[in-house]
Amino acid sequence: MVTKHQIKLIKSLSQKKYRNQEGLFIVEGIKGVKEFLTSDFELVQLYSTQSNFEVLEDEMTIISFNELKRISSLKNPNTVLALFKIPINTNPNFNTTSILLDDIRDPGNLGTIIRLCDWFGIEQLICSTNTVDCFNPKVVQASMGSLARVKIYYHDLLEFIKKSNLQVIGTFMEGNNVYTSNISNNVLIVLGNEANGISPEVEAIVDAKIGIPKFGKLKATESLNVANAAAIILSELKRRSIEM
């Protein structure tokens, strides 16, 4: 059974203010919860309509489907909701290939980029301080469990870049062709805001600008979604590393 206090707590975690205050975030669905249970993330409490989870007895609460619907943020909740502790990531690696996100605001975009980092073996993601919170329930859902494997740091991008010895590549509409550009195998790749791109301050200190050429006859498409652009650039980066 879920108490009124527990319902209030769980509902409050949809807001960043209360996630930070409580140090907790929500994971929903069997696949996502199992990914986090096998990671370094610390489980606080698991609420499920089933009992087939290998967790300590005091960490699990069996609930009805109606109770699950009351605490879930999903239209069609899937069996389980769990609360995990937010880790404190404070020591990024300044000299390993990383994606840097400059003011990404859409939770779906961030979640997808986290999945792409996981897929292409990028172990850390550096977010500007005003990028959407990676523990936002929509981000967690869109990451499909990859958040359990990719280290995410919120950091001043200018400071991070200045501390790194790596080549810094910025992605721009007018940038040089990504398929023919000279890109280091170990690199920082900056992706910008959905509407405004990379900020002028960060643009001023990138080493090179790359872009994805249009191949359509009319070349009328205005732009690519930032997550789609990330997929193309990471794929090209990995292709080169394989062929070297």
Protein backbone atom coordinates (compact mmCIF):
# COMPACT_ATOMS: atom_id res chain seq x y z
CA MET A 1 0.00 0.00 0.00
CA VAL A 2 1.18 3.52 -0.83
CA THR A 3 0.71 6.11 1.91
CA LYS A 4 -0.41 9.70 1.31
CA HIS A 5 3.06 10.88 2.30
CA GLN A 6 4.68 8.57 -0.26
CA ILE A 7 2.29 9.72 -2.99
CA LYS A 8 3.06 13.36 -2.21
CA LEU A 9 6.82 12.68 -2.29
CA ILE A 10 6.70 10.75 -5.57
CA LYS A 11 4.52 13.37 -7.26
CA SER A 12 6.85 16.16 -6.10
CA LEU A 13 9.83 14.52 -7.86
CA SER A 14 8.45 15.60 -11.22
CA GLN A 15 9.94 19.01 -10.33
CA LYS A 16 13.67 19.68 -10.31
CA LYS A 17 13.43 21.72 -7.10
CA TYR A 18 12.17 18.72 -5.13
CA ARG A 19 14.48 16.22 -6.85
CA ASN A 20 17.42 18.34 -5.69
CA GLN A 21 15.91 18.80 -2.24
CA GLU A 22 15.25 15.08 -1.70
CA GLY A 23 18.22 13.80 -3.73
CA LEU A 24 15.91 11.34 -5.48
CA PHE A 25 14.61 10.63 -8.98
CA ILE A 26 12.03 8.30 -10.53
CA VAL A 27 12.48 5.39 -12.93
CA GLU A 28 9.43 3.70 -14.44
CA GLY A 29 8.93 0.48 -16.37
CA ILE A 30 10.42 -3.00 -16.03
CA LYS A 31 13.30 -2.54 -18.49
CA GLY A 32 14.42 0.82 -17.11
CA VAL A 33 14.21 -0.24 -13.48
CA LYS A 34 16.18 -3.44 -14.12
CA GLU A 35 18.91 -1.42 -15.87
CA PHE A 36 19.32 0.78 -12.79
CA LEU A 37 19.14 -2.17 -10.37
CA THR A 38 22.21 -3.68 -12.06
CA SER A 39 24.11 -0.37 -12.02
CA ASP A 40 25.91 1.65 -9.37
CA PHE A 41 22.76 3.67 -8.63
CA GLU A 42 21.36 3.19 -5.14
CA LEU A 43 17.77 2.01 -4.85
CA VAL A 44 15.66 3.74 -2.19
CA GLN A 45 12.24 2.17 -2.77
CA LEU A 46 10.53 0.06 -5.41
CA TYR A 47 6.76 0.02 -5.94
CA SER A 48 5.46 -2.83 -8.07
CA THR A 49 2.35 -4.79 -8.92
CA GLN A 50 4.62 -7.87 -9.08
CA SER A 51 7.01 -9.42 -6.59
CA ASN A 52 9.59 -10.82 -9.01
CA PHE A 53 12.36 -8.29 -8.29
CA GLU A 54 15.50 -9.31 -6.44
CA VAL A 55 15.65 -6.49 -3.91
CA LEU A 56 15.66 -6.35 -0.13
CA GLU A 57 12.25 -6.83 1.48
CA ASP A 58 12.21 -3.38 3.07
CA GLU A 59 13.05 -1.76 -0.29
CA MET A 60 9.93 -3.13 -1.99
CA THR A 61 6.25 -2.26 -1.70
CA ILE A 62 3.66 -4.39 -3.47
CA ILE A 63 0.86 -2.19 -4.80
CA SER A 64 -2.26 -2.50 -6.92
CA PHE A 65 -2.45 -1.27 -10.50
CA ASN A 66 -4.76 1.55 -9.39
CA GLU A 67 -2.15 2.66 -6.86
CA LEU A 68 0.52 2.53 -9.56
CA LYS A 69 -1.63 4.77 -11.76
CA ARG A 70 -1.89 7.28 -8.89
CA ILE A 71 1.89 7.66 -8.57
CA SER A 72 2.90 7.22 -12.22
CA SER A 73 3.46 10.06 -14.67
CA LEU A 74 2.76 7.73 -17.61
CA LYS A 75 -0.58 7.33 -19.36
CA ASN A 76 -0.03 3.56 -19.40
CA PRO A 77 2.16 2.66 -16.40
CA ASN A 78 4.17 -0.54 -16.73
CA THR A 79 4.21 -2.67 -13.57
CA VAL A 80 6.87 -0.83 -11.58
CA LEU A 81 8.10 2.55 -10.36
CA ALA A 82 11.31 2.97 -8.39
CA LEU A 83 13.06 5.76 -6.52
CA PHE A 84 16.84 5.99 -6.78
CA LYS A 85 19.36 8.33 -5.19
CA ILE A 86 20.81 11.05 -7.41
CA PRO A 87 24.58 10.48 -7.55
CA ILE A 88 26.99 13.34 -7.01
CA ASN A 89 29.25 13.47 -10.07
CA THR A 90 31.96 16.07 -9.46
CA ASN A 91 35.14 14.94 -11.22
CA PRO A 92 34.80 14.77 -15.01
CA ASN A 93 37.64 13.60 -17.22
CA PHE A 94 38.78 16.68 -19.13
CA ASN A 95 40.75 14.70 -21.72
CA THR A 96 38.47 11.96 -23.00
CA THR A 97 36.14 12.10 -25.99
CA SER A 98 32.95 13.75 -24.79
CA ILE A 99 29.76 15.35 -26.02
CA LEU A 100 29.21 18.87 -24.66
CA LEU A 101 25.64 20.20 -24.65
CA ASP A 102 25.16 23.96 -24.74
CA ASP A 103 21.68 24.76 -23.37
CA ILE A 104 19.70 21.75 -24.62
CA ARG A 105 16.15 22.28 -23.37
CA ASP A 106 14.04 19.41 -24.70
CA PRO A 107 13.93 16.34 -22.39
CA GLY A 108 13.40 13.98 -25.32
CA ASN A 109 16.50 15.30 -27.07
CA LEU A 110 18.65 14.89 -23.97
CA GLY A 111 17.33 11.38 -23.33
CA THR A 112 18.05 10.37 -26.93
CA ILE A 113 21.55 11.85 -26.82
CA ILE A 114 22.25 9.87 -23.64
CA ARG A 115 21.19 6.70 -25.49
CA LEU A 116 23.46 7.63 -28.41
CA CYS A 117 26.42 8.14 -26.08
CA ASP A 118 25.77 4.70 -24.62
CA TRP A 119 25.45 3.14 -28.08
CA PHE A 120 28.63 4.70 -29.47
CA GLY A 121 30.72 4.20 -26.33
CA ILE A 122 30.92 7.82 -25.18
CA GLU A 123 31.31 7.42 -21.44
CA GLN A 124 30.63 10.97 -20.30
CA LEU A 125 28.31 13.78 -21.29
CA ILE A 126 29.02 17.36 -20.23
CA CYS A 127 25.95 19.58 -19.90
CA SER A 128 25.91 23.34 -19.50
CA THR A 129 24.36 24.42 -16.23
CA ASN A 130 21.16 25.56 -18.00
CA THR A 131 20.68 22.32 -19.95
CA VAL A 132 17.56 20.35 -18.93
CA ASP A 133 18.02 18.16 -15.84
CA CYS A 134 19.03 14.62 -16.76
CA PHE A 135 16.87 13.27 -13.91
CA ASN A 136 13.72 14.84 -15.32
CA PRO A 137 11.26 11.90 -15.66
CA LYS A 138 10.91 12.53 -19.41
CA VAL A 139 14.69 12.41 -19.86
CA VAL A 140 14.95 9.21 -17.81
CA GLN A 141 12.18 7.63 -19.88
CA ALA A 142 13.71 8.69 -23.21
CA SER A 143 17.16 7.40 -22.23
CA MET A 144 15.72 3.86 -21.96
CA GLY A 145 18.15 2.81 -19.21
CA SER A 146 21.27 4.33 -20.78
CA LEU A 147 21.36 6.95 -18.03
CA ALA A 148 22.55 4.10 -15.79
CA ARG A 149 25.75 3.77 -17.86
CA VAL A 150 26.69 7.26 -19.08
CA LYS A 151 28.29 9.66 -16.61
CA ILE A 152 26.66 13.08 -16.80
CA TYR A 153 28.20 16.26 -15.43
CA TYR A 154 26.75 19.75 -15.24
CA HIS A 155 29.62 22.13 -15.73
CA ASP A 156 30.48 25.58 -17.07
CA LEU A 157 31.38 24.74 -20.68
CA LEU A 158 33.93 27.53 -21.08
CA GLU A 159 35.77 26.37 -17.98
CA PHE A 160 35.63 22.73 -19.08
CA ILE A 161 37.00 23.48 -22.55
CA LYS A 162 39.82 25.61 -21.15
CA LYS A 163 40.88 22.75 -18.85
CA SER A 164 40.96 20.23 -21.69
CA ASN A 165 43.85 19.54 -24.07
CA LEU A 166 41.59 18.07 -26.73
CA GLN A 167 40.47 19.47 -30.06
CA VAL A 168 37.08 21.19 -29.69
CA ILE A 169 34.63 20.76 -32.56
CA GLY A 170 31.49 22.90 -32.73
CA THR A 171 28.46 21.90 -34.82
CA PHE A 172 27.04 24.68 -37.02
CA MET A 173 24.69 24.92 -39.99
CA GLU A 174 27.45 26.67 -41.98
CA GLY A 175 30.24 24.43 -40.68
CA ASN A 176 32.66 22.47 -42.85
CA ASN A 177 31.49 19.11 -44.21
CA VAL A 178 31.73 16.55 -41.39
CA TYR A 179 32.54 13.79 -43.89
CA THR A 180 35.65 15.55 -45.21
CA SER A 181 36.80 17.53 -42.16
CA ASN A 182 39.96 16.66 -40.25
CA ILE A 183 38.69 15.53 -36.86
CA SER A 184 40.88 14.09 -34.12
CA ASN A 185 40.03 10.62 -32.82
CA ASN A 186 39.94 12.01 -29.27
CA VAL A 187 37.79 15.13 -29.32
CA LEU A 188 35.19 17.31 -27.63
CA ILE A 189 32.03 17.77 -29.72
CA VAL A 190 29.76 20.69 -28.85
CA LEU A 191 26.05 20.60 -29.72
CA GLY A 192 23.96 23.73 -29.34
CA ASN A 193 20.49 24.82 -28.28
CA GLU A 194 17.56 23.62 -30.41
CA ALA A 195 16.58 27.14 -31.50
CA ASN A 196 19.75 29.24 -31.16
CA GLY A 197 22.61 26.81 -31.64
CA ILE A 198 25.93 27.18 -29.83
CA SER A 199 26.29 30.34 -27.72
CA PRO A 200 28.65 33.08 -29.00
CA GLU A 201 30.89 32.63 -25.94
CA VAL A 202 31.48 28.95 -26.69
CA GLU A 203 31.67 29.54 -30.45
CA ALA A 204 34.57 31.93 -29.85
CA ILE A 205 36.79 29.19 -28.39
CA VAL A 206 36.03 26.15 -30.58
CA ASP A 207 38.93 24.95 -32.74
CA ALA A 208 36.84 24.02 -35.76
CA LYS A 209 33.28 24.20 -37.05
CA ILE A 210 31.60 21.24 -38.70
CA GLY A 211 28.20 20.75 -40.28
CA ILE A 212 26.14 18.04 -41.93
CA PRO A 213 25.65 18.73 -45.65
CA LYS A 214 22.24 18.59 -47.29
CA PHE A 215 21.94 16.03 -50.07
CA GLY A 216 18.32 16.59 -51.14
CA LYS A 217 17.70 18.14 -54.58
CA LEU A 218 15.99 21.24 -53.24
CA LYS A 219 18.06 21.49 -50.05
CA ALA A 220 15.02 23.13 -48.50
CA THR A 221 15.07 21.49 -45.07
CA GLU A 222 15.78 24.17 -42.52
CA SER A 223 17.70 22.10 -39.98
CA LEU A 224 18.18 18.72 -38.31
CA ASN A 225 16.96 17.85 -34.84
CA VAL A 226 19.93 18.10 -32.45
CA ALA A 227 19.65 14.43 -31.46
CA ASN A 228 19.63 13.40 -35.14
CA ALA A 229 22.72 15.53 -35.71
CA ALA A 230 24.42 13.88 -32.74
CA ALA A 231 23.72 10.43 -34.20
CA ILE A 232 25.25 11.33 -37.58
CA ILE A 233 28.34 12.94 -36.08
CA LEU A 234 29.00 10.11 -33.61
CA SER A 235 28.53 7.53 -36.35
CA GLU A 236 31.05 9.32 -38.57
CA LEU A 237 33.50 9.64 -35.67
CA LYS A 238 33.31 5.92 -34.92
CA ARG A 239 33.57 4.97 -38.60
CA ARG A 240 36.86 6.82 -38.81
CA SER A 241 38.20 5.16 -35.67
CA ILE A 242 37.44 1.72 -37.14
CA GLU A 243 39.11 2.51 -40.46
CA MET A 244 42.28 3.95 -38.93
